Amino acid sequence: MFAMLKSAPLLWLAVTGFAYLLAEKIYHRARHFPLLHPVLVSIALVAALLLLARVDYADYFVGARPLHWLLGPATVALAVPLFDNLQRVRSLLLPLTIALLVGGLVGIVSALGLAHLFGLSWPVQLSFAPKSVTTPIAMALSDHLGGLPALTANIVIITGVVGAVIVVPLLRWLKVDGDIERGFALGVAAHGVGTARAFQLSPTAGAFAGLAMGLNGIWTSLILPLVLAFWPH
């Protein structure tokens, strides 16, 4: 009976949704404590349940696939708040461009530098390099350049969760409290997870995070091969 229940079509979809709602409630009860971010807690809850129930990730993914399908429409929907802030984007085009170019480059160089410092192999370094862009782009870049796409996917998720947890407290400590600045930083550094966190701050922060996420994916795709061509390995 339990085996039949584990293979129920919508079971893991419901479990994932319930885990996130529970994690969000814990987050609010904890007064938005950074280490209890809903994405991080919901991942931990689902992972623990899969381990206890001895369910393979592939079986879980089949049940939760509708959430994966919704990633596309959700990404396209980011254009709506961005359109509402189009005038602000035009007026801030130069500083946003500089922030994107510097932030995207620092994301690549810092990943390669740390991986090289700890003596990781070249394929692993390649897997770390696109850590700050959204998962489909990062995996495609990793595969094309000779990295390990599966490792890249995990690094991207970890980067997003860590970025969503630390960026807002870090910017608060640096006395950066503007929605535009915080949103753009979250989008550049923490891609989709950071964008979701930015929408919790305000629609404006979410709009600029979505803009940064998309542009950083394009910028990283263009600049990463050039950086690797001059990187010692």
Foldseek 3Di string as FASTA:
>chain_A
DLVVVLQPQQNLLVLLVVLLVVLVVVCVVVVNQLVSPSVNRSVVVSVVVCVVSVPDVVSSCSSNVVVVVCVVVVLVVLVVLLVVCVVVCVVCVVVLVVCLLVLLVCQQCVLLVVCVVVPHDPQQSLLRRNLQADLVLSLVSSVVVRHDSVSSNVSNQVQQSVLLRVQVVVVVVVVNDDLLVSLLNLLRRRNPSSLVSSVVVDSNSNSNSSVNNVVSSVSCVVCVVVVVVPDDD
